[in-house]
C-alpha cells in the first residue's frame, strides 16, 4: 500500500441546479472504489493504482480492463477519479494529449489534460474531450471539492455544500408568445410549452414535436448528459417562419408527471400520451393544420398516432426505417467487440421472449435494466414501414448524412415505402440536428447547445408545412 492518505466522501452531481447523481467513494491509497448512482443506473467502479486497472460492477456482473500507459480513466459520474488523473499528470501545466478510457463501454477517446496548482495547495484539472471541457478542483488531501462541465450544465459539489442555484426560467425568443401546456392522461400530467408567433393569433399551422428515446426533454436535452437544445431551436426556427409549435416532456421526464410504474410501461403508453396531446392541438380553433414532427424514436411514435390523431403532415426527422431492435443492434456493433455482441444477441433474444436476460454484463446493464425491459420488448420488433404506408398524412423525411445513430439507409427505406414523400438528406447534419465536420464520434454538438441547427433545416421543415 502507498503512503497516500485515506480519502472518502460523497459528491453530488447537479444539472441545471437539480441533483441527478451521487458518487460515494473511498480511497485507501492502493485503490479507489466509487459507488455511482446516475439517472436510472447504478455501478461500482474500482481503480487499482499499481498496475493501473479498472473494474466496473453493475447488476451483479463485472468487467475488468487494463489501462494503457499514459491513459486516464473517467467513467461518467466518477469525479474522484480525476484525483488519480491529476497525480499521473502532476507536471502537465500546459494541455497535453491523453487517451481517456470510459471503462463501462470500453471506449477510448482522444483528449487533453492540464494540471495546475491551486491557491489552497491543491490542484486544478482541466480535461477536454472532443471540445467538451471539464474543470475539477482538488484539495491538498486529494479529495475532489467541485467540478463543472459548462456545456452540459453539470456542476458537482461535496455532500453538505450548498446546492447550486437552479437555472432561471428561460424566456422564448423575441416575437414569440409562450403558453404553458398541460394534458393529463391516466393520472400522469404531460407538461410542455406552446410557442405562437406574435401577431399570428389564429389559423396558422402548428407542429407537435415528439422527442427521441430515453429521458430526452422538450428542449432536446437529457439528464444523462445530452445538451443540445435541438427541439428548442426547431421551435424558434418555426416561429420565425410564422408557424406555432408545441414541445412537451414525456411521462417521467422533465416537468411531466412520474406517477406510473416504469417496469410495466410499454411503447403504446408513450404513443397514447402523444395522441392525447395531438388531439388537444387538433381541437384548438387557432390552428389551421396540424403537423407531427417525430425525431428518432419520436418518429415511430408519430407513425403510431397517425391513424387516430389524423395529422395533416408527418415530419419524420432522423427516424428509423427498420425495427428498433435492428437499429439498436447495429449501434452496439459499432462500439462493441464480437465477443460482447454474443451477449447482446442473447439479451435481445431473452427480452423478445419475455424471459429474464440475467446475467447482464456491466457495460450493458443500463440498456437492459429491469425497469426498461417491458418497454424494450414492446418496441424491438415494431416495423415503421407498414405504419408509414397506412398513414394518410402528407410525409416529409429529413435525414443527416453525418448521423451515426440513424443512417441515410433508414431514410431511403422510409421513402421507398411512401413514393409520394419528400426526402431530404442534409450533407453535414448529425443525429441532434447540428452540422458536424464528419461522422466520427464523439461529436461536440451533443454537448453544445450554442451550436445552431444544421443549415437549411428550418426552411425544409417550413416548406413541408406550406
Protein backbone atom coordinates (compact mmCIF):
# COMPACT_ATOMS: atom_id res chain seq x y z
CA UNK A 1 0.00 0.00 0.00
CA UNK A 2 1.27 3.51 -0.82
CA UNK A 3 1.57 6.41 1.63
CA UNK A 4 -1.41 8.20 0.05
CA UNK A 5 -3.75 9.25 2.88
CA UNK A 6 -7.25 7.82 3.16
CA UNK A 7 -9.84 9.82 1.25
CA UNK A 8 -13.57 9.26 1.40
CA UNK A 9 -16.72 11.23 0.88
CA UNK A 10 -19.78 11.83 -1.29
CA UNK A 11 -20.08 14.02 -4.36
CA UNK A 12 -23.41 15.21 -5.75
CA UNK A 13 -23.90 15.86 -9.46
CA UNK A 14 -26.31 18.65 -10.36
CA UNK A 15 -27.77 19.51 -13.76
CA UNK A 16 -29.20 22.99 -14.08
CA UNK A 17 -29.32 23.17 -10.28
CA UNK A 18 -31.13 19.84 -9.81
CA UNK A 19 -29.41 16.81 -8.24
CA UNK A 20 -29.22 13.96 -10.77
CA UNK A 21 -26.42 11.77 -9.41
CA UNK A 22 -24.31 10.75 -6.43
CA UNK A 23 -20.84 9.26 -6.02
CA UNK A 24 -19.82 7.67 -2.72
CA UNK A 25 -16.08 6.94 -2.79
CA UNK A 26 -13.34 5.51 -0.59
CA UNK A 27 -9.63 5.62 -1.43
CA UNK A 28 -7.18 3.65 0.74
CA UNK A 29 -4.14 4.59 -1.31
CA UNK A 30 -3.98 1.32 -3.21
CA UNK A 31 -7.39 1.54 -4.84
CA UNK A 32 -10.31 3.92 -5.26
CA UNK A 33 -13.80 2.45 -5.00
CA UNK A 34 -16.71 4.61 -6.19
CA UNK A 35 -20.40 3.72 -5.91
CA UNK A 36 -22.13 5.79 -8.58
CA UNK A 37 -25.84 6.45 -8.95
CA UNK A 38 -26.59 8.50 -12.07
CA UNK A 39 -30.06 8.66 -13.55
CA UNK A 40 -31.56 5.15 -13.56
CA UNK A 41 -28.20 3.36 -13.43
CA UNK A 42 -26.04 2.27 -10.51
CA UNK A 43 -22.49 1.00 -10.91
CA UNK A 44 -19.37 0.49 -8.81
CA UNK A 45 -16.01 1.47 -10.29
CA UNK A 46 -12.77 0.24 -8.72
CA UNK A 47 -9.49 1.81 -9.82
CA UNK A 48 -6.35 -0.06 -8.71
CA UNK A 49 -3.16 2.00 -8.90
CA UNK A 50 -0.29 -0.49 -9.30
CA UNK A 51 -0.66 -1.56 -12.02
CA UNK A 52 -3.45 0.81 -13.07
CA UNK A 53 -6.51 -1.33 -13.72
CA UNK A 54 -10.25 -0.70 -13.61
CA UNK A 55 -13.24 -2.90 -12.75
CA UNK A 56 -16.87 -1.96 -13.30
CA UNK A 57 -19.61 -3.82 -11.38
CA UNK A 58 -23.27 -3.46 -12.29
CA UNK A 59 -26.34 -5.65 -11.79
CA UNK A 60 -24.27 -8.49 -10.33
CA UNK A 61 -21.85 -8.58 -13.26
CA UNK A 62 -18.37 -7.15 -13.65
CA UNK A 63 -15.88 -6.26 -16.37
CA UNK A 64 -12.16 -5.58 -15.87
CA UNK A 65 -9.88 -3.61 -18.15
CA UNK A 66 -6.19 -2.79 -18.20
CA UNK A 67 -5.42 0.90 -18.51
CA UNK A 68 -2.80 1.69 -21.18
CA UNK A 69 0.27 3.66 -20.19
CA UNK A 70 -0.36 7.38 -20.47
CA UNK A 71 -4.14 6.98 -20.35
CA UNK A 72 -6.65 8.15 -17.73
CA UNK A 73 -9.91 6.53 -16.62
CA UNK A 74 -13.02 8.72 -16.46
CA UNK A 75 -16.31 6.91 -16.03
CA UNK A 76 -19.47 9.01 -16.32
CA UNK A 77 -20.30 10.30 -12.83
CA UNK A 78 -16.99 9.16 -11.31
CA UNK A 79 -15.48 12.51 -10.29
CA UNK A 80 -12.97 11.38 -7.66
CA UNK A 81 -11.08 9.56 -10.44
CA UNK A 82 -9.83 12.98 -11.54
CA UNK A 83 -7.60 12.94 -8.44
CA UNK A 84 -5.77 9.89 -9.80
CA UNK A 85 -5.56 11.50 -13.24
CA UNK A 86 -4.12 14.65 -11.65
CA UNK A 87 -1.47 12.63 -9.81
CA UNK A 88 -0.43 10.89 -13.04
CA UNK A 89 -0.09 14.20 -14.89
CA UNK A 90 1.01 16.39 -11.98
CA UNK A 91 3.70 18.18 -14.01
CA UNK A 92 1.48 18.92 -17.01
CA UNK A 93 0.73 22.62 -16.65
CA UNK A 94 0.03 23.08 -20.36
CA UNK A 95 -2.59 20.97 -22.14
CA UNK A 96 -1.11 17.63 -23.22
CA UNK A 97 -2.65 14.91 -25.33
CA UNK A 98 -4.10 11.99 -23.41
CA UNK A 99 -6.21 8.89 -24.09
CA UNK A 100 -9.40 8.81 -21.99
CA UNK A 101 -10.77 5.34 -21.24
CA UNK A 102 -14.50 5.10 -20.49
CA UNK A 103 -14.47 1.64 -18.91
CA UNK A 104 -18.16 0.72 -18.84
CA UNK A 105 -18.29 0.71 -22.64
CA UNK A 106 -14.62 0.04 -23.37
CA UNK A 107 -14.28 3.19 -25.49
CA UNK A 108 -11.09 5.27 -25.59
CA UNK A 109 -11.43 8.92 -26.66
CA UNK A 110 -8.77 11.46 -27.58
CA UNK A 111 -8.41 14.39 -25.22
CA UNK A 112 -6.10 16.81 -23.44
CA UNK A 113 -5.27 17.32 -19.77
CA UNK A 114 -3.71 20.18 -17.86
CA UNK A 115 -2.94 20.18 -14.11
CA UNK A 116 -2.10 23.40 -12.27
CA UNK A 117 -1.64 24.23 -8.56
CA UNK A 118 -4.49 25.98 -6.78
CA UNK A 119 -4.15 28.78 -4.24
CA UNK A 120 -5.31 26.48 -1.43
CA UNK A 121 -2.49 23.99 -2.03
CA UNK A 122 -4.48 21.58 -4.14
CA UNK A 123 -4.76 21.19 -7.90
CA UNK A 124 -6.97 22.38 -10.71
CA UNK A 125 -7.53 19.90 -13.52
CA UNK A 126 -8.88 20.71 -16.95
CA UNK A 127 -9.73 17.88 -19.34
CA UNK A 128 -11.05 18.48 -22.84
CA UNK A 129 -12.60 15.57 -24.77
CA UNK A 130 -13.56 16.42 -28.36
CA UNK A 131 -14.32 20.02 -27.43
CA UNK A 132 -16.13 19.16 -24.16
CA UNK A 133 -14.39 20.95 -21.28
CA UNK A 134 -14.37 19.51 -17.73
CA UNK A 135 -12.99 21.59 -14.85
CA UNK A 136 -12.18 19.94 -11.49
CA UNK A 137 -10.90 21.40 -8.21
CA UNK A 138 -8.96 19.04 -5.88
CA UNK A 139 -7.87 19.94 -2.35
CA UNK A 140 -4.48 19.30 -0.76
CA UNK A 141 -5.68 15.97 0.70
CA UNK A 142 -6.63 14.64 -2.75
CA UNK A 143 -10.40 14.99 -2.42
CA UNK A 144 -12.39 16.46 -5.29
CA UNK A 145 -14.06 19.61 -3.99
CA UNK A 146 -16.02 20.67 -7.06
CA UNK A 147 -16.33 20.13 -10.80
CA UNK A 148 -18.05 21.79 -13.74
CA UNK A 149 -18.99 20.79 -17.28
CA UNK A 150 -20.29 24.15 -18.55
CA UNK A 151 -21.53 22.96 -21.94
CA UNK A 152 -23.69 20.28 -20.29
CA UNK A 153 -24.93 22.43 -17.42
CA UNK A 154 -23.35 20.00 -14.93
CA UNK A 155 -21.92 21.04 -11.58
CA UNK A 156 -20.51 18.82 -8.83
CA UNK A 157 -20.27 19.66 -5.14
CA UNK A 158 -19.44 17.76 -1.98
CA UNK A 159 -22.34 16.48 0.08
CA UNK A 160 -23.34 19.11 2.61
CA UNK A 161 -22.20 22.03 0.48
CA UNK A 162 -24.93 24.39 -0.72
CA UNK A 163 -26.56 23.24 -3.94
CA UNK A 164 -26.08 25.48 -6.98
CA UNK A 165 -28.95 27.82 -7.73
CA UNK A 166 -31.47 26.38 -10.19
CA UNK A 167 -31.35 27.81 -13.67
CA UNK A 168 -33.60 30.80 -14.14
CA UNK A 169 -36.64 30.11 -16.31
CA UNK A 170 -35.80 30.70 -19.94
CA UNK A 171 -37.77 33.17 -21.99
CA UNK A 172 -38.93 32.43 -25.53
CA UNK A 173 -37.23 34.26 -28.40
CA UNK A 174 -38.34 37.82 -29.17
CA UNK A 175 -41.59 37.90 -31.08
CA UNK A 176 -42.85 34.62 -29.61
CA UNK A 177 -45.76 34.19 -27.18
CA UNK A 178 -45.31 31.25 -24.80
CA UNK A 179 -48.23 29.40 -23.22
CA UNK A 180 -47.88 26.67 -20.61
CA UNK A 181 -49.47 23.39 -21.70
CA UNK A 182 -50.75 20.50 -19.61
CA UNK A 183 -52.70 17.37 -20.56
CA UNK A 184 -53.40 14.64 -18.01
CA UNK A 185 -53.74 11.04 -19.12
CA UNK A 186 -54.34 8.18 -16.68
CA UNK A 187 -53.23 10.40 -13.81
CA UNK A 188 -49.94 11.44 -15.44
CA UNK A 189 -49.58 15.15 -16.23
CA UNK A 190 -47.86 15.86 -19.55
CA UNK A 191 -46.43 19.37 -19.46
CA UNK A 192 -44.93 21.47 -22.21
CA UNK A 193 -44.71 24.82 -23.97
CA UNK A 194 -46.79 26.18 -26.82
CA UNK A 195 -44.97 28.82 -28.87
CA UNK A 196 -47.06 31.11 -31.07
CA UNK A 197 -45.53 33.81 -33.29
CA UNK A 198 -46.63 37.23 -32.08
CA UNK A 199 -49.17 38.77 -34.43
CA UNK A 200 -50.13 35.32 -35.78
CA UNK A 201 -53.01 34.60 -33.43
CA UNK A 202 -55.32 32.41 -35.49
CA UNK A 203 -55.47 29.98 -38.39
CA UNK A 204 -51.78 29.23 -38.53
CA UNK A 205 -50.05 25.82 -38.76
CA UNK A 206 -48.97 24.13 -35.55
CA UNK A 207 -46.32 21.44 -35.14
CA UNK A 208 -46.25 18.88 -32.33
CA UNK A 209 -42.64 17.89 -31.57
CA UNK A 210 -42.15 14.37 -30.16
CA UNK A 211 -38.79 13.72 -28.54
CA UNK A 212 -36.47 10.81 -29.12
CA UNK A 213 -35.61 7.92 -26.80
CA UNK A 214 -34.61 7.95 -23.16
CA UNK A 215 -35.05 10.87 -20.74
CA UNK A 216 -34.86 13.46 -23.52
CA UNK A 217 -36.87 16.53 -22.58
CA UNK A 218 -38.88 19.10 -24.52
CA UNK A 219 -35.72 21.04 -25.43
CA UNK A 220 -33.72 18.05 -26.69
CA UNK A 221 -31.63 17.68 -23.51
CA UNK A 222 -31.21 14.73 -21.17
CA UNK A 223 -30.29 14.05 -17.55
CA UNK A 224 -27.74 11.56 -18.90
CA UNK A 225 -25.57 14.35 -20.33
CA UNK A 226 -27.16 15.21 -23.67
CA UNK A 227 -27.30 19.01 -24.00
CA UNK A 228 -28.29 20.24 -27.44
CA UNK A 229 -31.39 22.49 -27.23
CA UNK A 230 -32.22 20.94 -30.62
CA UNK A 231 -36.02 20.96 -30.22
CA UNK A 232 -36.00 24.46 -28.74
CA UNK A 233 -34.03 25.63 -31.77
CA UNK A 234 -36.50 23.88 -34.09
CA UNK A 235 -39.39 25.68 -32.36
CA UNK A 236 -37.59 29.02 -32.73
CA UNK A 237 -36.94 28.36 -36.42
CA UNK A 238 -40.61 27.52 -37.00
CA UNK A 239 -41.80 30.61 -35.10
CA UNK A 240 -39.55 32.81 -37.24
CA UNK A 241 -41.42 31.42 -40.24
CA UNK A 242 -44.90 32.07 -38.81
CA UNK A 243 -45.52 28.53 -37.51
CA UNK A 244 -46.62 27.61 -33.97
CA UNK A 245 -45.26 24.57 -32.13
CA UNK A 246 -45.77 22.52 -29.01
CA UNK A 247 -42.93 20.71 -27.23
CA UNK A 248 -43.73 18.53 -24.22
CA UNK A 249 -41.86 16.40 -21.71
CA UNK A 250 -42.66 12.70 -21.97
CA UNK A 251 -44.01 10.94 -18.89
CA UNK A 252 -41.33 10.70 -16.21
CA UNK A 253 -39.15 13.33 -17.91
CA UNK A 254 -38.59 17.00 -17.06
CA UNK A 255 -41.69 18.63 -15.59
CA UNK A 256 -44.14 15.91 -16.60
CA UNK A 257 -45.54 13.52 -14.05
CA UNK A 258 -43.85 10.33 -12.88
CA UNK A 259 -46.82 8.63 -11.19
CA UNK A 260 -46.56 5.35 -13.08
CA UNK A 261 -44.57 2.11 -12.95
CA UNK A 262 -41.72 2.19 -15.49
CA UNK A 263 -41.33 -1.58 -15.24
CA UNK A 264 -44.75 -2.11 -16.82
CA UNK A 265 -44.67 0.82 -19.24
CA UNK A 266 -44.65 -0.04 -22.95
CA UNK A 267 -44.32 1.96 -26.14
CA UNK A 268 -48.11 2.07 -26.54
CA UNK A 269 -48.26 4.19 -23.36
CA UNK A 270 -45.98 6.83 -24.88
CA UNK A 271 -47.95 6.69 -28.13
CA UNK A 272 -51.23 7.19 -26.26
CA UNK A 273 -49.72 10.20 -24.48
CA UNK A 274 -48.63 11.73 -27.80
CA UNK A 275 -52.04 11.06 -29.32
CA UNK A 276 -53.80 12.85 -26.41
CA UNK A 277 -51.56 15.89 -26.86
CA UNK A 278 -52.10 15.89 -30.63
CA UNK A 279 -55.88 15.73 -30.26
CA UNK A 280 -55.78 18.76 -27.95
CA UNK A 281 -53.97 20.70 -30.65
CA UNK A 282 -56.32 19.43 -33.35
CA UNK A 283 -59.27 20.80 -31.37
CA UNK A 284 -57.71 24.25 -30.87
CA UNK A 285 -59.51 26.65 -33.26
CA UNK A 286 -56.46 28.91 -33.54
CA UNK A 287 -54.66 26.42 -35.76
CA UNK A 288 -55.30 25.70 -39.41
CA UNK A 289 -53.31 22.49 -39.82
CA UNK A 290 -51.60 20.01 -37.52
CA UNK A 291 -48.17 18.54 -38.24
CA UNK A 292 -46.42 15.97 -36.09
CA UNK A 293 -42.63 16.10 -36.04
CA UNK A 294 -41.09 12.94 -34.65
CA UNK A 295 -37.37 12.79 -34.02
CA UNK A 296 -35.60 9.42 -33.85
CA UNK A 297 -37.79 7.13 -31.72
CA UNK A 298 -40.28 10.01 -31.65
CA UNK A 299 -40.75 9.42 -35.38
CA UNK A 300 -42.00 5.94 -34.63
CA UNK A 301 -44.45 7.39 -32.09
CA UNK A 302 -45.59 9.88 -34.74
CA UNK A 303 -46.37 6.98 -37.09
CA UNK A 304 -48.20 5.11 -34.33
CA UNK A 305 -50.59 8.00 -33.70
CA UNK A 306 -51.17 8.95 -37.33
CA UNK A 307 -54.39 6.97 -37.72
CA UNK A 308 -56.27 8.41 -34.74
CA UNK A 309 -54.69 11.87 -34.42
CA UNK A 310 -55.05 12.41 -38.20
CA UNK A 311 -52.26 14.99 -38.68
CA UNK A 312 -52.13 16.83 -41.98
CA UNK A 313 -48.35 16.38 -42.19
CA UNK A 314 -45.86 13.89 -40.78
CA UNK A 315 -42.32 15.20 -40.41
CA UNK A 316 -40.04 12.21 -39.86
CA UNK A 317 -36.65 13.52 -38.76
CA UNK A 318 -33.79 11.06 -38.21
CA UNK A 319 -36.43 8.33 -37.92
CA UNK A 320 -35.52 4.63 -38.17
CA UNK A 321 -36.72 2.86 -41.30
CA UNK A 322 -36.18 -0.53 -39.68
CA UNK A 323 -37.39 -2.11 -36.42
CA UNK A 324 -35.69 -0.58 -33.38
CA UNK A 325 -34.13 -3.92 -32.48
CA UNK A 326 -32.24 -3.95 -35.78
CA UNK A 327 -31.07 -0.35 -35.37
CA UNK A 328 -30.10 -0.92 -31.73
CA UNK A 329 -28.02 -3.96 -32.56
CA UNK A 330 -26.29 -2.05 -35.36
CA UNK A 331 -25.46 0.81 -33.00
CA UNK A 332 -23.98 -1.56 -30.40
CA UNK A 333 -21.95 -3.42 -33.03
CA UNK A 334 -20.21 -0.15 -33.91
CA UNK A 335 -18.60 0.09 -30.46
CA UNK A 336 -18.51 -3.45 -29.04
CA UNK A 337 -16.24 -6.33 -30.00
CA UNK A 338 -17.64 -9.61 -31.43
CA UNK A 339 -17.49 -11.37 -28.06
CA UNK A 340 -19.65 -8.69 -26.46
CA UNK A 341 -22.11 -8.93 -29.35
CA UNK A 342 -22.70 -12.57 -28.44
CA UNK A 343 -24.08 -11.27 -25.14
CA UNK A 344 -26.12 -8.62 -26.96
CA UNK A 345 -27.81 -11.25 -29.12
CA UNK A 346 -28.54 -13.42 -26.08
CA UNK A 347 -30.05 -10.48 -24.21
CA UNK A 348 -32.19 -9.33 -27.13
CA UNK A 349 -33.49 -12.85 -27.62
CA UNK A 350 -34.43 -13.16 -23.94
CA UNK A 351 -36.23 -9.80 -23.94
CA UNK A 352 -38.19 -10.76 -27.06
CA UNK A 353 -39.34 -13.97 -25.36
CA UNK A 354 -40.27 -12.17 -22.16
CA UNK A 355 -37.62 -14.13 -20.27
CA UNK A 356 -35.07 -12.76 -17.81
CA UNK A 357 -31.89 -11.72 -19.65
CA UNK A 358 -29.78 -12.10 -16.48
CA UNK A 359 -26.85 -12.18 -16.13
CA UNK A 360 -26.32 -8.84 -17.85
CA UNK A 361 -22.70 -7.75 -18.38
CA UNK A 362 -21.90 -4.45 -16.65
CA UNK A 363 -21.46 -2.37 -19.83
CA UNK A 364 -24.96 -3.37 -20.97
CA UNK A 365 -26.70 -3.10 -17.59
CA UNK A 366 -28.27 0.36 -18.14
CA UNK A 367 -29.69 -0.66 -21.52
CA UNK A 368 -31.23 -3.89 -20.17
CA UNK A 369 -32.21 -2.66 -16.71
CA UNK A 370 -35.33 -4.34 -15.25
CA UNK A 371 -37.24 -1.04 -15.40
CA UNK A 372 -36.99 -0.84 -19.21
CA UNK A 373 -37.38 -4.48 -20.27
CA UNK A 374 -41.15 -4.28 -20.83
CA UNK A 375 -40.65 -1.21 -23.00
CA UNK A 376 -37.85 -2.88 -24.95
CA UNK A 377 -39.95 -5.96 -25.60
CA UNK A 378 -42.84 -3.82 -26.89
CA UNK A 379 -40.62 -1.75 -29.19
CA UNK A 380 -37.89 -4.05 -30.55
CA UNK A 381 -39.79 -5.52 -33.48
CA UNK A 382 -42.19 -2.71 -34.29
CA UNK A 383 -41.79 -2.12 -38.03
CA UNK A 384 -42.25 1.52 -39.14
CA UNK A 385 -42.83 0.76 -42.83
CA UNK A 386 -46.38 -0.70 -42.61
CA UNK A 387 -47.38 2.22 -40.35
CA UNK A 388 -45.99 4.69 -42.86
CA UNK A 389 -47.77 3.04 -45.80
CA UNK A 390 -51.07 3.26 -43.92
CA UNK A 391 -50.68 6.92 -42.92
CA UNK A 392 -52.95 9.31 -44.83
CA UNK A 393 -50.94 12.42 -43.99
CA UNK A 394 -48.52 14.19 -46.28
CA UNK A 395 -45.00 12.97 -45.42
CA UNK A 396 -41.62 14.68 -45.35
CA UNK A 397 -38.48 12.72 -44.44
CA UNK A 398 -35.39 14.61 -43.25
CA UNK A 399 -32.09 12.91 -42.52
CA UNK A 400 -28.49 13.90 -41.82
CA UNK A 401 -25.61 12.31 -43.72
CA UNK A 402 -23.39 12.51 -40.59
CA UNK A 403 -25.94 10.78 -38.34
CA UNK A 404 -24.38 7.61 -36.90
CA UNK A 405 -27.43 6.58 -34.82
CA UNK A 406 -29.99 6.57 -37.62
CA UNK A 407 -28.50 6.42 -41.09
CA UNK A 408 -29.42 7.64 -44.59
CA UNK A 409 -30.28 3.99 -45.31
CA UNK A 410 -33.19 4.33 -42.89
CA UNK A 411 -34.40 7.49 -44.61
CA UNK A 412 -34.30 5.80 -48.01
CA UNK A 413 -36.23 2.79 -46.68
CA UNK A 414 -38.91 5.15 -45.39
CA UNK A 415 -39.03 6.94 -48.73
CA UNK A 416 -39.36 3.63 -50.58
CA UNK A 417 -42.48 2.86 -48.52
CA UNK A 418 -44.02 6.21 -49.49
CA UNK A 419 -43.02 7.25 -53.03
CA UNK A 420 -45.11 10.41 -52.61
CA UNK A 421 -42.99 11.59 -49.65
CA UNK A 422 -40.33 14.26 -49.95
CA UNK A 423 -36.86 13.08 -48.92
CA UNK A 424 -34.08 15.48 -47.92
CA UNK A 425 -30.63 14.37 -46.78
CA UNK A 426 -28.62 17.25 -45.35
CA UNK A 427 -24.92 16.67 -46.05
CA UNK A 428 -23.42 17.68 -42.69
CA UNK A 429 -26.31 17.16 -40.25
CA UNK A 430 -25.92 14.67 -37.40
CA UNK A 431 -28.46 12.96 -35.13
CA UNK A 432 -29.01 16.02 -32.92
CA UNK A 433 -29.77 18.18 -35.97
CA UNK A 434 -26.50 20.12 -35.90
CA UNK A 435 -23.74 20.43 -38.50
CA UNK A 436 -20.53 18.48 -37.86
CA UNK A 437 -17.22 18.18 -39.69
CA UNK A 438 -17.54 14.40 -40.04
CA UNK A 439 -19.46 11.36 -38.88
CA UNK A 440 -16.71 10.42 -36.40
CA UNK A 441 -17.83 10.08 -32.79
CA UNK A 442 -17.93 11.63 -30.29
CA UNK A 443 -19.41 14.74 -31.90
CA UNK A 444 -19.08 18.03 -29.98
CA UNK A 445 -22.63 19.19 -30.72
CA UNK A 446 -24.08 16.51 -28.40
CA UNK A 447 -22.89 18.71 -25.54
CA UNK A 448 -23.04 22.22 -27.01
CA UNK A 449 -26.47 23.89 -27.05
CA UNK A 450 -24.97 27.07 -28.51
CA UNK A 451 -24.48 25.43 -31.90
CA UNK A 452 -27.22 26.37 -34.39
CA UNK A 453 -29.35 23.93 -36.35
CA UNK A 454 -27.83 22.46 -39.48
CA UNK A 455 -28.05 24.94 -42.36
CA UNK A 456 -31.31 24.70 -44.29
CA UNK A 457 -33.22 22.61 -41.73
CA UNK A 458 -35.66 25.37 -40.73
CA UNK A 459 -36.53 26.16 -44.35
CA UNK A 460 -37.01 22.47 -45.16
CA UNK A 461 -39.42 21.94 -42.26
CA UNK A 462 -41.38 25.09 -43.10
CA UNK A 463 -41.61 24.16 -46.78
CA UNK A 464 -43.10 20.77 -45.86
CA UNK A 465 -45.89 22.56 -43.95
CA UNK A 466 -46.71 25.02 -46.72
